[in-house]
């Protein structure tokens, strides 16, 4: 019997090790199904109950909650207590596009290895969203046809057919609302979203998007561009996975130059950057073997965690300083354009591109020749200039009718107050004088752009229960960028306030003719104005209807709320009564 005991123990150890293997480790061209992921983590948490805990948040559009796997070395899982301990929090998102599943498999392996090897960081708590787009993960197939493995994978759209990496600022999906809960509960200093790229062919397995330096809070931009990012590039190269910035070509092929990706708040890292969170997106190359893509993601996360442990105190200090500066910041950039006159020269390892007749059309088609690798210096355009700005008011007044805006603000921990009484305020209101609207829907919305505004000092009545949002908060950037209509991803841009773009009242022309004639006699200055306009505009002079409309629009009868953006700007602080 004594001889059997070591054999039994060895067999149990081998079984336990095999049980901890992920589906990917058993088959390098396979990604775990949602059911396999959800079976794996509870077993692992059962083996390491002190250091791994699972939390469920919200309910996604497919009816299942987001599962968050949290690693804490000392077993503290209370976010408030973690902040008191002065620890950093990293949030890692996986499977937002389930056809890009490397992060799902790499995270399962990394969490297991950190636990088994007792390598959890001392000053960093790491949170992993197991599968973000559960809806798309359940819709398993081979629709991402240009990609080299795995054999089967999820679909990009969720149950509402939304691309969830275009939904963060607008929050149409319940997935995004659950993400907001996670983000604002754990308040990470660092965020990572794992993806797979498409596009040109080149030698790198991994490319990287980091928050564009010109729209990142300057203190954080200085640290990421000079310390954190260079260290990530260095360590990835040492691990055998040399990186390059995300390859978005200036022209057809990368040797013409690549452009830094501008991730506005519709994207995950653009949304988190509004909160002064250091943010990255990994973009594995779709044509590299799946196992290499998974391991490159594994090593990137490993290195990110290690550097954040090394710089834990510095990252925490910078976050506090950045929040304090944004709280006091007066002017905010709302849109950016690439500065094509500025670029860096970087070394790039690509493949020669050429053209040959298509077997389908007979016309020329692009191809990359992997027998002809090259290393050459190319232009990297990584400078953006702000093209729209807004000075923050003392406060914004949001009518309670705009329930979705209020709910998103609550989820994002924006401090708000409610008026105790009906209150008439002297404040600034915007009138929308011009805008362009996309001819086709984008992620369920007809986006507005090129917004022109006429700010008008107005006296407006607000009602008991309407919301007052003071701009003395660390989340000022989120507040201003969503409420200023000219912002690239403002709530106005996404069509939240479209009902104010429609006129509600008009007139019967045969009745208004007499009223208008009397009105002009009572207001001779308007009669002179009309005559002057007729002289300048022959078309107006020839149209009786246009002249009648001119009088109507310049009279007291014309509705004051037409094209008036409903959110007010209180320019100076004023004592108000709140509930």
Protein backbone atom coordinates (compact mmCIF):
# COMPACT_ATOMS: atom_id res chain seq x y z
CA UNK A 1 0.00 0.00 0.00
CA UNK A 2 2.86 2.38 0.86
CA UNK A 3 4.25 1.92 -2.65
CA UNK A 4 0.90 2.87 -4.17
CA UNK A 5 0.58 6.19 -2.35
CA UNK A 6 3.26 8.05 -4.40
CA UNK A 7 1.71 6.68 -7.59
CA UNK A 8 -1.74 7.83 -6.55
CA UNK A 9 -0.43 11.30 -5.60
CA UNK A 10 1.45 11.58 -8.89
CA UNK A 11 -1.66 10.58 -10.79
CA UNK A 12 -3.76 13.14 -8.90
CA UNK A 13 -1.18 15.86 -9.58
CA UNK A 14 -1.11 14.97 -13.26
CA UNK A 15 -4.92 14.99 -13.39
CA UNK A 16 -5.09 18.35 -11.64
CA UNK A 17 -2.53 19.84 -14.04
CA UNK A 18 -4.46 18.49 -17.02
CA UNK A 19 -7.73 19.80 -15.57
CA UNK A 20 -6.17 23.29 -15.40
CA UNK A 21 -5.21 23.14 -19.05
CA UNK A 22 -7.20 25.49 -21.24
CA UNK A 23 -8.81 24.26 -24.46
CA UNK A 24 -6.20 26.24 -26.38
CA UNK A 25 -3.34 24.43 -24.63
CA UNK A 26 -4.83 21.15 -25.81
CA UNK A 27 -5.25 22.40 -29.39
CA UNK A 28 -3.23 25.41 -30.55
CA UNK A 29 -5.73 26.30 -33.32
CA UNK A 30 -8.75 26.31 -31.03
CA UNK A 31 -10.35 29.05 -28.96
CA UNK A 32 -12.53 28.27 -25.98
CA UNK A 33 -16.30 28.50 -26.32
CA UNK A 34 -18.21 30.68 -23.91
CA UNK A 35 -19.41 27.56 -22.07
CA UNK A 36 -15.81 26.33 -21.74
CA UNK A 37 -14.65 29.69 -20.39
CA UNK A 38 -17.46 29.75 -17.86
CA UNK A 39 -16.64 26.20 -16.77
CA UNK A 40 -12.92 26.92 -16.45
CA UNK A 41 -12.91 29.93 -14.15
CA UNK A 42 -15.12 28.59 -11.34
CA UNK A 43 -12.93 25.47 -11.10
CA UNK A 44 -9.81 27.62 -10.95
CA UNK A 45 -11.39 29.91 -8.35
CA UNK A 46 -12.26 26.85 -6.30
CA UNK A 47 -8.59 25.85 -6.24
CA UNK A 48 -7.41 29.37 -5.33
CA UNK A 49 -10.31 30.88 -3.34
CA UNK A 50 -8.17 33.41 -1.52
CA UNK A 51 -6.55 34.99 -4.56
CA UNK A 52 -9.10 34.61 -7.38
CA UNK A 53 -12.69 35.73 -7.15
CA UNK A 54 -15.39 35.98 -9.80
CA UNK A 55 -17.96 38.82 -9.95
CA UNK A 56 -20.97 39.15 -12.23
CA UNK A 57 -22.13 42.55 -13.50
CA UNK A 58 -25.31 43.60 -15.21
CA UNK A 59 -27.00 41.64 -17.95
CA UNK A 60 -25.79 41.75 -21.53
CA UNK A 61 -28.11 41.94 -24.53
CA UNK A 62 -28.16 38.15 -24.67
CA UNK A 63 -29.29 37.95 -21.05
CA UNK A 64 -26.05 36.80 -19.39
CA UNK A 65 -23.97 38.91 -16.99
CA UNK A 66 -20.41 40.03 -17.60
CA UNK A 67 -18.05 37.89 -15.52
CA UNK A 68 -15.03 39.63 -14.02
CA UNK A 69 -12.13 37.50 -12.77
CA UNK A 70 -10.14 39.42 -10.15
CA UNK A 71 -6.64 38.52 -8.93
CA UNK A 72 -5.63 39.88 -5.54
CA UNK A 73 -2.49 38.65 -3.83
CA UNK A 74 -3.61 39.40 -0.28
CA UNK A 75 -7.22 38.34 -0.81
CA UNK A 76 -8.72 41.84 -0.60
CA UNK A 77 -11.54 42.18 -3.14
CA UNK A 78 -13.25 45.33 -1.91
CA UNK A 79 -12.47 48.11 -4.45
CA UNK A 80 -12.67 50.82 -1.79
CA UNK A 81 -10.27 48.95 0.48
CA UNK A 82 -7.90 48.37 -2.43
CA UNK A 83 -7.79 52.14 -3.02
CA UNK A 84 -7.08 52.71 0.68
CA UNK A 85 -4.18 50.25 0.39
CA UNK A 86 -2.80 52.48 -2.40
CA UNK A 87 -2.76 49.63 -4.89
CA UNK A 88 -3.12 50.02 -8.64
CA UNK A 89 -5.88 48.34 -10.62
CA UNK A 90 -5.47 47.03 -14.17
CA UNK A 91 -8.62 46.21 -16.15
CA UNK A 92 -8.23 43.85 -19.11
CA UNK A 93 -11.04 43.35 -21.62
CA UNK A 94 -11.37 40.26 -23.80
CA UNK A 95 -13.59 39.18 -26.65
CA UNK A 96 -15.18 42.50 -27.55
CA UNK A 97 -14.88 41.14 -31.09
CA UNK A 98 -15.22 37.38 -30.55
CA UNK A 99 -13.62 36.67 -33.92
CA UNK A 100 -10.50 38.16 -32.30
CA UNK A 101 -10.32 35.81 -29.31
CA UNK A 102 -6.61 35.75 -28.40
CA UNK A 103 -7.20 37.62 -25.17
CA UNK A 104 -9.78 35.09 -23.99
CA UNK A 105 -7.36 32.17 -24.27
CA UNK A 106 -4.25 34.09 -23.17
CA UNK A 107 -6.00 35.42 -20.05
CA UNK A 108 -7.12 31.94 -19.01
CA UNK A 109 -3.51 30.71 -19.21
CA UNK A 110 -1.98 33.78 -17.59
CA UNK A 111 -4.34 33.77 -14.61
CA UNK A 112 -3.65 30.10 -14.02
CA UNK A 113 0.12 30.55 -14.30
CA UNK A 114 0.20 33.54 -11.97
CA UNK A 115 -1.69 31.53 -9.38
CA UNK A 116 0.24 28.28 -9.76
CA UNK A 117 3.62 30.00 -9.68
CA UNK A 118 2.63 32.34 -6.85
CA UNK A 119 3.56 35.34 -8.99
CA UNK A 120 0.68 37.70 -8.27
CA UNK A 121 1.92 41.30 -8.02
CA UNK A 122 2.12 42.80 -4.56
CA UNK A 123 0.83 46.29 -5.37
CA UNK A 124 -1.45 45.61 -8.34
CA UNK A 125 -4.90 44.03 -8.53
CA UNK A 126 -5.71 42.67 -11.98
CA UNK A 127 -9.29 42.42 -13.30
CA UNK A 128 -10.09 40.38 -16.42
CA UNK A 129 -13.41 40.57 -18.27
CA UNK A 130 -13.62 36.92 -19.33
CA UNK A 131 -15.76 37.49 -22.45
CA UNK A 132 -17.23 40.92 -23.17
CA UNK A 133 -19.29 40.22 -26.28
CA UNK A 134 -20.97 37.09 -24.95
CA UNK A 135 -23.68 37.51 -27.58
CA UNK A 136 -21.22 37.32 -30.46
CA UNK A 137 -19.22 34.55 -28.80
CA UNK A 138 -22.30 32.32 -28.77
CA UNK A 139 -22.79 32.99 -32.50
CA UNK A 140 -19.85 30.79 -33.47
CA UNK A 141 -18.73 30.28 -37.06
CA UNK A 142 -16.06 31.24 -39.63
CA UNK A 143 -17.27 34.63 -40.90
CA UNK A 144 -13.91 36.41 -40.38
CA UNK A 145 -12.63 34.65 -43.48
CA UNK A 146 -9.38 36.61 -44.04
CA UNK A 147 -7.97 35.45 -40.70
CA UNK A 148 -5.52 32.58 -40.11
CA UNK A 149 -7.34 30.60 -37.41
CA UNK A 150 -8.60 29.54 -35.04
CA UNK A 151 -10.86 26.93 -36.63
CA UNK A 152 -14.06 28.54 -35.33
CA UNK A 153 -14.80 31.72 -33.42
CA UNK A 154 -17.52 34.18 -32.54
CA UNK A 155 -19.20 36.91 -34.57
CA UNK A 156 -18.28 40.61 -34.44
CA UNK A 157 -21.80 41.94 -33.85
CA UNK A 158 -23.67 41.35 -30.61
CA UNK A 159 -27.30 40.23 -30.21
CA UNK A 160 -28.46 43.69 -31.37
CA UNK A 161 -25.92 43.51 -34.22
CA UNK A 162 -23.90 46.32 -32.63
CA UNK A 163 -20.14 46.60 -32.88
CA UNK A 164 -19.46 46.94 -29.18
CA UNK A 165 -16.21 48.78 -29.80
CA UNK A 166 -18.22 51.66 -31.18
CA UNK A 167 -20.70 51.74 -28.28
CA UNK A 168 -18.82 52.99 -25.23
CA UNK A 169 -19.83 56.63 -25.21
CA UNK A 170 -23.41 56.11 -26.40
CA UNK A 171 -24.15 52.98 -24.35
CA UNK A 172 -26.85 51.47 -26.55
CA UNK A 173 -26.05 47.90 -25.48
CA UNK A 174 -26.55 46.44 -22.05
CA UNK A 175 -23.01 45.13 -22.45
CA UNK A 176 -21.73 48.72 -22.40
CA UNK A 177 -23.83 49.58 -19.35
CA UNK A 178 -22.37 46.58 -17.50
CA UNK A 179 -18.88 47.68 -18.54
CA UNK A 180 -19.56 51.12 -17.06
CA UNK A 181 -20.47 49.42 -13.78
CA UNK A 182 -17.18 47.53 -13.78
CA UNK A 183 -15.08 50.55 -14.73
CA UNK A 184 -16.61 52.83 -12.14
CA UNK A 185 -16.60 50.21 -9.40
CA UNK A 186 -12.95 49.19 -9.75
CA UNK A 187 -11.62 52.56 -11.03
CA UNK A 188 -8.53 51.22 -12.81
CA UNK A 189 -5.47 53.30 -13.50
CA UNK A 190 -4.56 51.14 -16.52
CA UNK A 191 -6.78 49.54 -19.17
CA UNK A 192 -6.08 47.02 -21.92
CA UNK A 193 -8.38 45.78 -24.69
CA UNK A 194 -7.20 42.71 -26.65
CA UNK A 195 -7.87 42.63 -30.41
CA UNK A 196 -6.73 41.26 -33.79
CA UNK A 197 -5.90 43.53 -36.71
CA UNK A 198 -6.67 43.26 -40.39
CA UNK A 199 -5.15 45.10 -43.35
CA UNK A 200 -1.61 44.93 -44.74
CA UNK A 201 0.82 42.01 -44.38
CA UNK A 202 4.10 42.50 -42.49
CA UNK A 203 6.50 40.58 -40.28
CA UNK A 204 5.17 41.49 -36.81
CA UNK A 205 2.80 39.30 -34.81
CA UNK A 206 1.73 42.16 -32.53
CA UNK A 207 0.92 45.81 -33.21
CA UNK A 208 -0.14 48.30 -30.58
CA UNK A 209 -2.54 51.21 -30.17
CA UNK A 210 -1.92 53.54 -27.25
CA UNK A 211 -3.92 56.58 -26.30
CA UNK A 212 -2.93 59.22 -28.84
CA UNK A 213 -0.48 61.47 -27.03
CA UNK A 214 -1.99 64.79 -28.19
CA UNK A 215 -5.37 63.99 -26.73
CA UNK A 216 -4.12 62.25 -23.61
CA UNK A 217 -3.80 64.20 -20.38
CA UNK A 218 -0.25 65.69 -20.65
CA UNK A 219 1.13 64.20 -17.42
CA UNK A 220 0.04 60.73 -18.50
CA UNK A 221 1.15 61.27 -22.10
CA UNK A 222 4.64 62.12 -20.90
CA UNK A 223 4.85 58.94 -18.81
CA UNK A 224 3.39 56.57 -21.39
CA UNK A 225 5.36 57.93 -24.35
CA UNK A 226 8.69 58.16 -22.54
CA UNK A 227 8.56 55.32 -20.02
CA UNK A 228 5.74 52.78 -20.15
CA UNK A 229 5.36 52.25 -23.90
CA UNK A 230 9.12 52.08 -24.65
CA UNK A 231 9.50 49.54 -21.86
CA UNK A 232 6.67 47.43 -23.31
CA UNK A 233 8.30 47.49 -26.76
CA UNK A 234 11.66 46.52 -25.24
CA UNK A 235 10.29 43.61 -23.20
CA UNK A 236 8.14 42.28 -26.04
CA UNK A 237 11.17 42.21 -28.33
CA UNK A 238 13.12 40.30 -25.67
CA UNK A 239 10.26 37.77 -25.52
CA UNK A 240 10.52 37.17 -29.25
CA UNK A 241 7.52 39.29 -30.21
CA UNK A 242 8.86 42.56 -31.53
CA UNK A 243 6.06 45.15 -31.87
CA UNK A 244 5.26 48.06 -34.13
CA UNK A 245 2.52 50.73 -33.78
CA UNK A 246 -0.82 49.69 -35.25
CA UNK A 247 -0.45 49.60 -39.02
CA UNK A 248 -2.92 52.03 -40.55
CA UNK A 249 -1.36 53.06 -43.85
CA UNK A 250 -1.16 56.59 -45.17
CA UNK A 251 -1.69 55.12 -48.65
CA UNK A 252 -2.13 51.59 -50.01
CA UNK A 253 0.86 49.92 -48.35
CA UNK A 254 2.75 50.51 -45.08
CA UNK A 255 6.00 51.60 -46.72
CA UNK A 256 4.21 54.84 -47.65
CA UNK A 257 3.92 55.59 -43.94
CA UNK A 258 1.58 54.69 -41.11
CA UNK A 259 -0.77 56.88 -39.11
CA UNK A 260 -1.38 56.76 -35.34
CA UNK A 261 -4.92 55.60 -34.69
CA UNK A 262 -7.15 58.28 -33.18
CA UNK A 263 -9.39 56.42 -30.74
CA UNK A 264 -12.26 58.78 -29.95
CA UNK A 265 -14.66 58.03 -27.07
CA UNK A 266 -16.80 55.62 -29.10
CA UNK A 267 -13.87 53.19 -28.77
CA UNK A 268 -12.91 51.51 -25.51
CA UNK A 269 -9.55 53.22 -25.06
CA UNK A 270 -10.93 56.60 -26.13
CA UNK A 271 -13.69 56.28 -23.55
CA UNK A 272 -11.33 55.23 -20.75
CA UNK A 273 -8.86 58.00 -21.66
CA UNK A 274 -11.60 60.52 -20.81
CA UNK A 275 -11.22 59.24 -17.26
CA UNK A 276 -7.41 59.68 -17.22
CA UNK A 277 -6.86 55.93 -17.47
CA UNK A 278 -3.69 54.82 -19.27
CA UNK A 279 -5.07 52.74 -22.13
CA UNK A 280 -3.80 50.26 -24.71
CA UNK A 281 -5.26 48.10 -27.45
CA UNK A 282 -3.26 45.10 -28.64
CA UNK A 283 -3.76 44.28 -32.32
CA UNK A 284 -2.38 40.87 -33.28
CA UNK A 285 -1.77 40.32 -36.99
CA UNK A 286 -4.60 38.26 -38.48
CA UNK A 287 -2.35 36.27 -40.84
CA UNK A 288 0.04 34.96 -38.19
CA UNK A 289 -0.65 31.48 -36.72
CA UNK A 290 -3.19 31.55 -33.94
CA UNK A 291 -0.86 30.11 -31.31
CA UNK A 292 1.70 32.87 -31.90
CA UNK A 293 -1.04 35.49 -31.57
CA UNK A 294 -2.21 34.02 -28.27
CA UNK A 295 1.31 33.87 -26.85
CA UNK A 296 2.11 37.43 -27.93
CA UNK A 297 -0.99 38.56 -26.02
CA UNK A 298 0.05 36.46 -23.03
CA UNK A 299 3.49 38.08 -22.91
CA UNK A 300 2.12 41.59 -23.42
CA UNK A 301 -0.22 41.22 -20.44
CA UNK A 302 2.58 39.67 -18.37
CA UNK A 303 4.89 42.59 -19.13
CA UNK A 304 2.20 45.21 -18.56
CA UNK A 305 1.45 43.79 -15.13
CA UNK A 306 5.14 43.63 -14.24
CA UNK A 307 5.84 47.23 -15.27
CA UNK A 308 2.76 48.48 -13.41
CA UNK A 309 4.05 46.66 -10.32
CA UNK A 310 7.43 48.32 -10.76
CA UNK A 311 5.89 51.78 -11.28
CA UNK A 312 2.87 51.35 -9.01
CA UNK A 313 3.53 54.40 -6.88
CA UNK A 314 4.37 56.62 -9.85
CA UNK A 315 1.25 55.59 -11.79
CA UNK A 316 -0.92 56.28 -8.75
CA UNK A 317 0.64 59.70 -8.21
CA UNK A 318 0.22 60.64 -11.87
CA UNK A 319 -3.44 59.57 -11.86
CA UNK A 320 -4.17 61.74 -8.81
CA UNK A 321 -2.36 64.71 -10.34
CA UNK A 322 -4.11 64.28 -13.69
CA UNK A 323 -7.53 64.10 -12.03
CA UNK A 324 -6.78 67.23 -10.02
CA UNK A 325 -5.67 69.13 -13.13
CA UNK A 326 -8.73 68.09 -15.14
CA UNK A 327 -10.94 69.18 -12.26
CA UNK A 328 -9.47 72.68 -12.62
CA UNK A 329 -9.07 72.66 -16.42
CA UNK A 330 -10.97 75.43 -18.20
CA UNK A 331 -10.68 74.67 -21.93
CA UNK A 332 -11.22 71.27 -23.53
CA UNK A 333 -10.39 69.99 -27.01
CA UNK A 334 -13.35 68.34 -28.73
CA UNK A 335 -12.01 67.19 -32.09
CA UNK A 336 -8.64 66.54 -33.72
CA UNK A 337 -7.12 66.31 -37.22
CA UNK A 338 -3.90 64.62 -38.27
CA UNK A 339 -0.95 66.99 -38.73
CA UNK A 340 0.46 65.68 -42.00
CA UNK A 341 3.50 67.97 -41.76
CA UNK A 342 4.88 66.22 -38.70
CA UNK A 343 6.17 62.65 -38.57
CA UNK A 344 8.85 60.43 -37.04
CA UNK A 345 10.97 57.95 -38.95
CA UNK A 346 10.71 54.41 -37.59
CA UNK A 347 12.18 51.09 -38.66
CA UNK A 348 9.56 48.82 -40.22
CA UNK A 349 9.78 45.15 -41.15
CA UNK A 350 7.42 44.43 -44.00
CA UNK A 351 7.00 42.43 -47.18
CA UNK A 352 7.34 43.73 -50.71
CA UNK A 353 3.94 44.58 -52.20
CA UNK A 354 3.06 44.07 -55.82
CA UNK A 355 0.19 43.70 -58.24
CA UNK A 356 -0.78 40.79 -60.44
CA UNK A 357 -3.86 39.77 -62.45
CA UNK A 358 -6.76 38.55 -60.35
CA UNK A 359 -7.89 34.97 -60.97
CA UNK A 360 -11.46 36.20 -60.52
CA UNK A 361 -11.65 39.50 -62.42
CA UNK A 362 -8.48 39.46 -64.49
CA UNK A 363 -7.76 42.96 -63.20
CA UNK A 364 -4.79 43.92 -61.07
CA UNK A 365 -4.93 42.91 -57.41
CA UNK A 366 -2.65 43.70 -54.47
CA UNK A 367 -0.52 40.98 -52.90
CA UNK A 368 2.40 40.77 -50.46
CA UNK A 369 5.37 38.58 -51.30
CA UNK A 370 6.64 36.85 -48.15
CA UNK A 371 9.72 35.67 -50.02
CA UNK A 372 10.79 39.32 -50.15
CA UNK A 373 10.96 40.66 -46.58
CA UNK A 374 12.43 44.09 -46.04
CA UNK A 375 13.49 46.41 -43.24
CA UNK A 376 13.27 50.09 -44.06
CA UNK A 377 12.63 53.42 -42.40
CA UNK A 378 9.11 54.71 -42.93
CA UNK A 379 7.15 57.76 -41.81
CA UNK A 380 5.06 57.48 -38.66
CA UNK A 381 2.47 60.26 -38.38
CA UNK A 382 1.76 60.58 -34.68
CA UNK A 383 0.79 64.23 -34.22
CA UNK A 384 -2.78 65.48 -34.07
CA UNK A 385 -3.93 69.07 -33.68
CA UNK A 386 -7.13 70.04 -31.93
CA UNK A 387 -9.68 71.62 -34.29
CA UNK A 388 -12.53 72.39 -31.88
CA UNK A 389 -12.50 73.66 -28.30
CA UNK A 390 -14.98 74.60 -25.61
CA UNK A 391 -14.60 76.55 -22.41
CA UNK A 392 -16.41 74.77 -19.63
CA UNK A 393 -19.28 76.67 -17.94
CA UNK A 394 -19.68 76.75 -14.20
CA UNK A 395 -22.41 74.15 -14.62
CA UNK A 396 -24.66 72.49 -17.15
CA UNK A 397 -28.41 72.30 -16.63
CA UNK A 398 -29.93 69.10 -18.04
CA UNK A 399 -33.73 68.81 -18.22
CA UNK A 400 -34.88 65.60 -16.57
CA UNK A 401 -36.64 64.65 -19.81
CA UNK A 402 -33.31 63.43 -21.17
CA UNK A 403 -33.38 60.21 -19.20
CA UNK A 404 -30.68 58.35 -21.10
CA UNK A 405 -28.19 61.17 -20.57
CA UNK A 406 -28.99 61.17 -16.86
CA UNK A 407 -28.64 57.39 -16.58
CA UNK A 408 -25.28 57.40 -18.38
CA UNK A 409 -24.07 60.18 -16.11
CA UNK A 410 -25.12 58.19 -13.05
CA UNK A 411 -23.32 55.08 -14.30
CA UNK A 412 -20.21 57.18 -14.90
CA UNK A 413 -20.29 58.59 -11.37
CA UNK A 414 -20.93 62.18 -12.43
CA UNK A 415 -21.99 64.23 -9.41
CA UNK A 416 -25.39 65.85 -10.05
CA UNK A 417 -27.89 67.91 -8.10
CA UNK A 418 -31.65 68.27 -8.66
CA UNK A 419 -33.51 71.56 -8.54
CA UNK A 420 -35.83 71.84 -5.57
CA UNK A 421 -38.23 74.27 -7.28
CA UNK A 422 -39.17 75.44 -10.74
CA UNK A 423 -36.40 77.94 -11.46
CA UNK A 424 -35.92 80.59 -14.17
CA UNK A 425 -32.26 81.10 -14.97
CA UNK A 426 -30.25 83.57 -16.99
CA UNK A 427 -27.75 81.40 -18.85
CA UNK A 428 -26.27 80.61 -22.22
CA UNK A 429 -28.15 78.41 -24.67
CA UNK A 430 -26.79 77.09 -27.96
CA UNK A 431 -28.75 77.37 -31.18
CA UNK A 432 -27.72 74.86 -33.84
CA UNK A 433 -27.08 76.92 -36.97
CA UNK A 434 -25.68 74.18 -39.18
CA UNK A 435 -24.67 70.53 -39.13
CA UNK A 436 -24.11 67.61 -41.45
CA UNK A 437 -25.73 64.21 -41.05
CA UNK A 438 -24.45 60.93 -42.42
CA UNK A 439 -26.72 59.58 -45.19
CA UNK A 440 -26.58 56.05 -43.79
CA UNK A 441 -26.88 54.75 -40.24
CA UNK A 442 -23.71 53.97 -38.31
CA UNK A 443 -24.15 51.62 -35.37
CA UNK A 444 -27.84 52.44 -35.21
CA UNK A 445 -27.45 56.23 -35.47
CA UNK A 446 -27.26 58.91 -38.14
CA UNK A 447 -24.17 60.72 -36.93
CA UNK A 448 -24.00 64.51 -36.94
CA UNK A 449 -20.77 66.39 -37.66
CA UNK A 450 -19.48 69.86 -38.62
CA UNK A 451 -21.80 71.37 -36.02
CA UNK A 452 -22.06 75.16 -35.97
CA UNK A 453 -23.43 76.98 -32.94
CA UNK A 454 -24.82 80.36 -32.02
CA UNK A 455 -24.55 80.92 -28.25
CA UNK A 456 -27.34 83.17 -26.99
CA UNK A 457 -27.80 84.63 -23.51
CA UNK A 458 -31.28 83.51 -22.57
CA UNK A 459 -33.79 83.39 -19.77
CA UNK A 460 -35.05 79.82 -19.52
CA UNK A 461 -37.41 78.13 -17.12
CA UNK A 462 -36.27 74.80 -15.69
CA UNK A 463 -38.40 72.57 -13.54
CA UNK A 464 -38.28 70.89 -10.17
CA UNK A 465 -36.16 67.77 -10.53
CA UNK A 466 -34.01 69.02 -13.43
CA UNK A 467 -30.31 68.27 -13.06
CA UNK A 468 -27.41 70.62 -12.38
CA UNK A 469 -23.93 69.31 -13.21
CA UNK A 470 -21.06 71.40 -11.86
CA UNK A 471 -17.79 71.25 -13.79
CA UNK A 472 -15.51 71.03 -10.78
CA UNK A 473 -15.10 67.26 -11.05
CA UNK A 474 -12.26 64.88 -12.02
CA UNK A 475 -14.61 63.57 -14.75
CA UNK A 476 -14.87 67.03 -16.35
CA UNK A 477 -13.50 65.73 -19.62
CA UNK A 478 -16.27 63.17 -19.91
CA UNK A 479 -18.88 65.80 -18.99
CA UNK A 480 -17.67 68.43 -21.47
CA UNK A 481 -16.99 66.05 -24.35
CA UNK A 482 -20.45 64.51 -24.12
CA UNK A 483 -22.47 67.71 -23.56
CA UNK A 484 -20.74 70.11 -25.97
CA UNK A 485 -22.60 69.50 -29.29
CA UNK A 486 -19.57 70.14 -31.51
CA UNK A 487 -17.62 67.23 -29.94
CA UNK A 488 -16.80 64.35 -32.28
CA UNK A 489 -18.55 61.81 -30.02
CA UNK A 490 -20.88 64.12 -28.12
CA UNK A 491 -24.37 62.97 -27.25
CA UNK A 492 -25.64 65.45 -29.86
CA UNK A 493 -23.37 63.88 -32.50
CA UNK A 494 -24.98 60.51 -31.77
CA UNK A 495 -28.47 61.92 -32.17
CA UNK A 496 -29.57 61.95 -28.53
CA UNK A 497 -31.22 65.37 -28.95
CA UNK A 498 -32.66 65.04 -32.46
CA UNK A 499 -36.19 65.93 -31.40
CA UNK A 500 -35.02 69.55 -31.10
CA UNK A 501 -34.01 69.55 -34.75
CA UNK A 502 -37.65 69.45 -35.80
CA UNK A 503 -40.05 72.39 -35.86
CA UNK A 504 -43.30 71.77 -33.97
CA UNK A 505 -45.50 74.77 -34.82
CA UNK A 506 -46.26 76.61 -38.07
CA UNK A 507 -49.12 78.63 -39.60
CA UNK A 508 -51.85 78.56 -42.21
CA UNK A 509 -50.63 81.03 -44.83
CA UNK A 510 -54.02 82.53 -45.71
CA UNK A 511 -54.62 83.31 -42.01
CA UNK A 512 -51.12 84.47 -41.24
CA UNK A 513 -51.16 86.91 -44.22
CA UNK A 514 -53.35 89.34 -42.30
CA UNK A 515 -51.54 88.79 -39.02
CA UNK A 516 -48.16 89.35 -40.70
CA UNK A 517 -49.31 92.55 -42.41
CA UNK A 518 -50.50 93.96 -39.10
CA UNK A 519 -47.30 92.85 -37.42
CA UNK A 520 -45.14 94.70 -39.97
CA UNK A 521 -47.12 97.91 -39.39
CA UNK A 522 -46.51 97.54 -35.66
CA UNK A 523 -42.82 96.75 -36.23
CA UNK A 524 -41.54 99.06 -39.00
CA UNK A 525 -37.95 98.02 -38.28
CA UNK A 526 -38.82 94.49 -39.44
CA UNK A 527 -40.45 95.93 -42.59
CA UNK A 528 -37.19 97.74 -43.37
CA UNK A 529 -35.23 94.57 -42.70
CA UNK A 530 -37.47 92.59 -45.07
CA UNK A 531 -37.08 95.19 -47.83
CA UNK A 532 -33.31 95.13 -47.44
CA UNK A 533 -33.27 91.36 -47.69
CA UNK A 534 -35.43 91.45 -50.83
CA UNK A 535 -32.96 93.83 -52.43
CA UNK A 536 -30.04 91.51 -51.64
CA UNK A 537 -31.92 88.32 -52.52
CA UNK A 538 -33.93 88.35 -55.78
CA UNK A 539 -35.30 84.88 -55.04
CA UNK A 540 -36.86 86.18 -51.85
CA UNK A 541 -38.35 89.13 -53.74
CA UNK A 542 -40.04 86.76 -56.20
CA UNK A 543 -41.59 84.46 -53.57
CA UNK A 544 -44.63 85.50 -51.54
CA UNK A 545 -44.31 82.35 -49.41
CA UNK A 546 -40.66 83.01 -48.63
CA UNK A 547 -41.44 86.57 -47.55
CA UNK A 548 -44.24 85.35 -45.29
CA UNK A 549 -41.85 82.78 -43.79
CA UNK A 550 -39.26 85.53 -43.25
CA UNK A 551 -41.73 87.61 -41.26
CA UNK A 552 -42.78 84.56 -39.23
CA UNK A 553 -39.22 83.57 -38.34
CA UNK A 554 -38.40 87.11 -37.23
CA UNK A 555 -41.55 87.59 -35.19
CA UNK A 556 -42.40 86.79 -31.62
CA UNK A 557 -44.65 83.98 -32.88
CA UNK A 558 -41.78 81.80 -34.00
CA UNK A 559 -41.03 79.01 -31.52
CA UNK A 560 -38.04 79.85 -29.38
CA UNK A 561 -37.06 76.21 -28.85
CA UNK A 562 -36.57 75.33 -32.52
CA UNK A 563 -32.94 74.24 -33.00
CA UNK A 564 -32.19 75.26 -29.42
CA UNK A 565 -29.96 72.69 -27.78
CA UNK A 566 -31.81 71.84 -24.55
CA UNK A 567 -28.81 71.68 -22.21
CA UNK A 568 -28.10 75.06 -20.64
CA UNK A 569 -24.70 76.52 -19.78
CA UNK A 570 -24.57 78.41 -16.48
CA UNK A 571 -21.54 80.63 -17.02
CA UNK A 572 -21.19 81.91 -13.46
CA UNK A 573 -21.90 80.11 -10.25
CA UNK A 574 -25.23 80.97 -8.68
CA UNK A 575 -26.83 79.84 -5.47
CA UNK A 576 -29.55 77.32 -6.28
CA UNK A 577 -31.89 75.30 -4.09
CA UNK A 578 -31.48 71.55 -4.43
CA UNK A 579 -33.52 68.61 -3.31
